[in-house]
Amino acid sequence: MALIQFDHVVFQYEESVQRALDDISLTIEDGAFVAIVGHNGSGKSTLAKHINGLLLPASGTVTVNGLDTKDEKNILPIRQQVGIVFQNPDNQIVTTIVEEDVAFGPENLGVPPEQIRIRVDEALDTVGMRDYAERAIHTLSGGQKQRIAIAGMLALRPGILVMDEATAMLDPRGRAELIATLKELHASGLTVIMVTQYMEEVTECDRVIVMNHGKIAKEGTPEDVFRDKALLQSCSLAEPEAIRLADRLREFGVPISERAMRSETIAEELCRLL
């Protein structure tokens, strides 16, 4: 079922002469795990901010579960359905204690206190931060803060989670932990949309939307995108290191599957061959 629909969407920032989104039409299905990629200025973050009405189309329409984002009365219901996590968790954290920050959103929605307690505990359990409930925010690492930002969104019970370059400030271990959390959330039924500059993360998704100069350059599976060398070059995107490794192994005659895009998969295939 179509959960998010862009229909000929155009958007342009006032200070720019170029359209940030140029006649964008796309559909994102319920339960999808989608990556949005592109070079800096390609329009990927602008696209993400249209999903929960932070930005509104100059022309065309964006609908979320049938609700038009340009209709003012729909903004609150849309934002209750769409949680968005940004690059810097410090920009989203508003209190000094972990559990208080996670409770902030439900409190503002008027959720009864006993339900807030349940939501906070469940959200912290989901991101593996229950033991940190009473910790001061400033004592946490960047990855832990990002988990708290996600927990704050989950406490609102959204059906859609948008990650707008939310792994950009994390080290490799923090990114890996966060991606593992997103995969678990997706497996539980959450629709996940991930804007990212790290191509290794894209291999974890079901579908990839490639943005280039405000337009959709390509949509498809990670295999479709990463096998299109001309597309990657034209959009200034790099292949994941694991794919380059697999290509190199095949050059030496090692029969690695074309579907092997992650280091774990390549290792498993090499073990079977040995």
Protein backbone atom coordinates (compact mmCIF):
# COMPACT_ATOMS: atom_id res chain seq x y z
CA MET A 1 0.00 0.00 0.00
CA ALA A 2 1.27 3.49 -0.86
CA LEU A 3 2.12 5.17 2.44
CA ILE A 4 4.01 8.22 1.13
CA GLN A 5 3.28 9.77 -2.24
CA PHE A 6 5.16 12.58 -4.03
CA ASP A 7 3.30 13.87 -7.09
CA HIS A 8 5.27 16.24 -9.35
CA VAL A 9 6.81 18.05 -6.38
CA VAL A 10 8.83 21.21 -6.98
CA PHE A 11 10.71 23.09 -4.25
CA GLN A 12 13.25 25.90 -4.45
CA TYR A 13 15.05 27.72 -1.65
CA GLU A 14 14.73 31.51 -1.81
CA GLU A 15 18.48 32.10 -1.99
CA SER A 16 19.01 29.55 -4.76
CA VAL A 17 18.56 29.82 -8.52
CA GLN A 18 18.32 26.03 -8.87
CA ARG A 19 15.39 23.88 -7.83
CA ALA A 20 16.18 21.69 -4.82
CA LEU A 21 13.41 19.32 -5.95
CA ASP A 22 12.54 19.33 -9.63
CA ASP A 23 9.32 17.51 -10.57
CA ILE A 24 9.69 14.65 -8.09
CA SER A 25 7.18 11.80 -8.25
CA LEU A 26 7.64 8.67 -6.14
CA THR A 27 5.84 6.23 -3.91
CA ILE A 28 7.08 4.65 -0.68
CA GLU A 29 5.19 1.60 0.48
CA ASP A 30 4.18 0.73 4.03
CA GLY A 31 6.89 -1.35 5.71
CA ALA A 32 9.66 -0.29 3.33
CA PHE A 33 13.32 0.21 4.24
CA VAL A 34 14.49 2.92 1.84
CA ALA A 35 17.82 4.69 1.42
CA ILE A 36 18.02 8.14 -0.18
CA VAL A 37 21.49 8.96 -1.48
CA GLY A 38 23.19 11.63 -3.54
CA HIS A 39 26.03 14.14 -3.49
CA ASN A 40 25.88 17.28 -1.34
CA GLY A 41 23.17 19.54 -2.72
CA SER A 42 21.44 16.75 -4.62
CA GLY A 43 18.14 17.32 -2.77
CA LYS A 44 18.10 14.23 -0.57
CA SER A 45 17.63 16.03 2.76
CA THR A 46 15.12 18.43 1.20
CA LEU A 47 13.15 15.40 0.06
CA ALA A 48 13.21 13.92 3.58
CA LYS A 49 11.98 17.16 5.17
CA HIS A 50 8.93 17.14 2.90
CA ILE A 51 7.78 13.84 4.38
CA ASN A 52 6.66 15.33 7.69
CA GLY A 53 5.84 18.83 6.50
CA LEU A 54 8.97 20.62 7.68
CA LEU A 55 9.13 21.87 4.09
CA LEU A 56 6.12 22.28 1.79
CA PRO A 57 6.06 21.97 -2.01
CA ALA A 58 5.98 25.09 -4.15
CA SER A 59 3.93 22.99 -6.54
CA GLY A 60 2.78 19.39 -6.59
CA THR A 61 1.64 17.42 -3.56
CA VAL A 62 3.06 15.21 -0.83
CA THR A 63 0.64 12.90 0.95
CA VAL A 64 1.32 10.74 3.99
CA ASN A 65 -1.24 8.02 4.58
CA GLY A 66 -3.61 10.04 2.41
CA LEU A 67 -3.03 13.35 4.23
CA ASP A 68 -1.84 16.32 2.15
CA THR A 69 1.07 18.12 3.86
CA LYS A 70 -0.06 21.50 2.46
CA ASP A 71 -3.31 21.31 4.43
CA GLU A 72 -2.47 22.97 7.76
CA LYS A 73 -4.89 20.83 9.74
CA ASN A 74 -3.00 17.72 8.63
CA ILE A 75 0.43 18.77 9.94
CA LEU A 76 -0.02 17.51 13.51
CA PRO A 77 -1.49 14.12 12.46
CA ILE A 78 1.33 13.72 9.93
CA ARG A 79 4.03 14.53 12.47
CA GLN A 80 2.47 12.04 14.86
CA GLN A 81 2.97 9.42 12.16
CA VAL A 82 6.42 10.53 10.96
CA GLY A 83 9.36 10.77 13.36
CA ILE A 84 12.51 12.42 12.01
CA VAL A 85 16.01 12.17 13.47
CA PHE A 86 18.66 14.63 12.32
CA GLN A 87 22.43 14.55 11.97
CA ASN A 88 23.23 16.15 15.33
CA PRO A 89 21.32 14.61 18.26
CA ASP A 90 22.13 17.65 20.43
CA ASN A 91 19.73 19.65 18.25
CA GLN A 92 16.85 17.35 19.27
CA ILE A 93 17.58 16.67 22.91
CA VAL A 94 15.77 19.17 25.14
CA THR A 95 16.28 17.95 28.72
CA THR A 96 19.26 16.88 30.82
CA ILE A 97 18.17 13.37 31.86
CA VAL A 98 17.65 10.46 29.45
CA GLU A 99 14.19 9.30 30.49
CA GLU A 100 12.91 12.86 30.80
CA ASP A 101 13.95 13.59 27.23
CA VAL A 102 12.26 10.46 25.88
CA ALA A 103 9.09 11.42 27.79
CA PHE A 104 9.07 15.00 26.46
CA GLY A 105 7.18 14.28 23.24
CA PRO A 106 4.37 12.16 24.72
CA GLU A 107 3.92 14.70 27.53
CA ASN A 108 3.37 17.44 24.96
CA LEU A 109 0.77 15.28 23.23
CA GLY A 110 -1.13 14.90 26.50
CA VAL A 111 -0.49 11.17 26.90
CA PRO A 112 -1.53 9.99 30.41
CA PRO A 113 1.46 9.65 32.82
CA GLU A 114 1.05 5.89 33.25
CA GLN A 115 1.15 5.45 29.48
CA ILE A 116 4.18 7.72 29.20
CA ARG A 117 6.07 5.47 31.64
CA ILE A 118 5.27 2.44 29.49
CA ARG A 119 6.27 4.22 26.27
CA VAL A 120 9.56 5.47 27.71
CA ASP A 121 10.54 2.03 29.00
CA GLU A 122 9.60 0.34 25.72
CA ALA A 123 11.46 2.93 23.62
CA LEU A 124 14.61 2.68 25.72
CA ASP A 125 14.44 -1.12 25.58
CA THR A 126 14.14 -0.98 21.80
CA VAL A 127 17.33 1.06 21.39
CA GLY A 128 19.20 -0.81 24.12
CA MET A 129 19.41 2.16 26.51
CA ARG A 130 17.13 1.10 29.41
CA ASP A 131 20.08 0.96 31.82
CA TYR A 132 20.83 4.60 31.03
CA ALA A 133 17.36 5.93 31.89
CA GLU A 134 18.55 8.06 34.81
CA ARG A 135 21.85 9.12 33.29
CA ALA A 136 22.69 12.73 32.48
CA ILE A 137 22.64 13.33 28.73
CA HIS A 138 26.03 15.07 28.70
CA THR A 139 27.75 11.88 29.91
CA LEU A 140 26.70 9.90 26.81
CA SER A 141 28.68 9.25 23.67
CA GLY A 142 27.51 10.53 20.28
CA GLY A 143 26.11 7.13 19.36
CA GLN A 144 24.26 6.85 22.67
CA LYS A 145 22.78 10.33 22.22
CA GLN A 146 21.58 9.35 18.76
CA ARG A 147 19.89 6.29 20.27
CA ILE A 148 18.14 8.57 22.77
CA ALA A 149 16.98 10.81 19.92
CA ILE A 150 15.52 7.73 18.23
CA ALA A 151 13.90 6.60 21.48
CA GLY A 152 12.27 10.03 21.78
CA MET A 153 10.75 9.53 18.34
CA LEU A 154 9.66 5.95 19.10
CA ALA A 155 7.89 7.11 22.26
CA LEU A 156 5.57 9.06 19.97
CA ARG A 157 4.59 5.73 18.35
CA PRO A 158 5.20 6.79 14.71
CA GLY A 159 4.67 4.42 11.82
CA ILE A 160 7.49 6.04 9.83
CA LEU A 161 11.02 6.85 10.99
CA VAL A 162 13.10 9.22 8.83
CA MET A 163 16.84 9.33 9.49
CA ASP A 164 18.28 12.50 7.92
CA GLU A 165 22.02 11.71 7.82
CA ALA A 166 21.68 10.61 11.43
CA THR A 167 24.86 8.50 11.29
CA ALA A 168 27.07 11.28 9.88
CA MET A 169 28.60 12.26 13.24
CA LEU A 170 29.18 8.70 14.46
CA ASP A 171 32.31 6.59 14.32
CA PRO A 172 32.18 3.27 12.40
CA ARG A 173 31.17 1.28 15.48
CA GLY A 174 28.43 3.77 16.35
CA ARG A 175 27.11 3.64 12.77
CA ALA A 176 27.08 -0.15 12.79
CA GLU A 177 25.18 -0.24 16.09
CA LEU A 178 22.65 2.29 14.86
CA ILE A 179 22.06 0.41 11.60
CA ALA A 180 21.52 -2.80 13.59
CA THR A 181 18.89 -0.96 15.66
CA LEU A 182 17.16 0.31 12.51
CA LYS A 183 17.06 -3.19 11.04
CA GLU A 184 15.37 -4.47 14.21
CA LEU A 185 12.84 -1.62 14.09
CA HIS A 186 12.11 -2.36 10.45
CA ALA A 187 11.66 -6.06 11.21
CA SER A 188 9.06 -5.08 13.82
CA GLY A 189 7.00 -3.30 11.14
CA LEU A 190 8.32 0.27 11.15
CA THR A 191 8.78 2.02 7.80
CA VAL A 192 12.36 3.34 7.74
CA ILE A 193 13.67 6.02 5.39
CA MET A 194 17.39 6.70 5.67
CA VAL A 195 19.20 9.63 4.09
CA THR A 196 22.87 8.72 4.11
CA GLN A 197 26.25 9.49 2.60
CA TYR A 198 27.68 6.11 3.60
CA MET A 199 27.21 3.61 0.80
CA GLU A 200 27.90 0.65 3.11
CA GLU A 201 24.65 1.48 4.90
CA VAL A 202 22.71 1.40 1.64
CA THR A 203 23.36 -2.33 1.22
CA GLU A 204 21.15 -2.96 4.27
CA CYS A 205 18.09 -1.40 2.62
CA ASP A 206 15.46 -2.90 0.34
CA ARG A 207 15.29 0.06 -2.05
CA VAL A 208 17.51 2.97 -3.03
CA ILE A 209 16.50 6.38 -4.39
CA VAL A 210 19.41 8.20 -6.03
CA MET A 211 19.09 12.00 -6.16
CA ASN A 212 21.06 14.21 -8.53
CA HIS A 213 20.57 17.97 -8.96
CA GLY A 214 17.05 17.86 -7.55
CA LYS A 215 15.88 14.97 -9.68
CA ILE A 216 15.59 11.21 -9.16
CA ALA A 217 18.44 9.72 -11.15
CA LYS A 218 17.50 6.12 -10.40
CA GLU A 219 15.37 3.92 -8.15
CA GLY A 220 15.98 0.25 -7.50
CA THR A 221 17.52 -2.36 -5.29
CA PRO A 222 21.06 -1.85 -3.96
CA GLU A 223 22.22 -4.40 -6.57
CA ASP A 224 20.62 -2.35 -9.36
CA VAL A 225 22.25 0.85 -8.20
CA PHE A 226 25.75 -0.40 -7.41
CA ARG A 227 26.09 -2.32 -10.67
CA ASP A 228 25.37 0.85 -12.65
CA LYS A 229 28.94 2.20 -12.82
CA ALA A 230 28.01 5.07 -15.13
CA LEU A 231 25.29 6.23 -12.73
CA LEU A 232 27.65 6.16 -9.74
CA GLN A 233 30.22 8.20 -11.61
CA SER A 234 27.72 10.77 -12.87
CA CYS A 235 26.24 11.21 -9.37
CA SER A 236 29.65 11.31 -7.60
CA LEU A 237 28.86 8.20 -5.57
CA ALA A 238 31.36 5.57 -4.54
CA GLU A 239 30.82 1.83 -4.40
CA PRO A 240 30.97 0.23 -0.95
CA GLU A 241 34.38 -1.22 -0.19
CA ALA A 242 32.88 -4.71 0.06
CA ILE A 243 31.62 -4.51 -3.53
CA ARG A 244 35.03 -3.35 -4.75
CA LEU A 245 36.58 -6.29 -2.89
CA ALA A 246 34.12 -8.74 -4.50
CA ASP A 247 34.87 -7.31 -7.95
CA ARG A 248 38.60 -7.69 -7.35
CA LEU A 249 38.19 -11.29 -6.21
CA ARG A 250 36.19 -12.10 -9.34
CA GLU A 251 39.00 -10.60 -11.44
CA PHE A 252 41.27 -13.24 -9.90
CA GLY A 253 38.80 -15.98 -10.77
CA VAL A 254 37.16 -16.38 -7.36
CA PRO A 255 33.43 -17.13 -8.03
CA ILE A 256 31.88 -14.59 -5.66
CA SER A 257 28.15 -14.05 -6.24
CA GLU A 258 27.04 -10.77 -7.83
CA ARG A 259 24.64 -10.42 -4.91
CA ALA A 260 27.47 -10.36 -2.36
CA MET A 261 27.57 -6.71 -1.32
CA ARG A 262 28.49 -6.92 2.36
CA SER A 263 31.74 -8.07 3.92
CA GLU A 264 29.91 -10.68 6.00
CA THR A 265 28.35 -12.21 2.87
CA ILE A 266 31.69 -12.28 1.06
CA ALA A 267 33.32 -13.96 4.07
CA GLU A 268 30.58 -16.60 4.14
CA GLU A 269 31.05 -17.32 0.43
CA LEU A 270 34.83 -17.59 0.81
CA CYS A 271 34.39 -20.02 3.71
CA ARG A 272 32.13 -22.22 1.58
CA LEU A 273 34.61 -22.14 -1.30
CA LEU A 274 37.46 -23.12 1.00
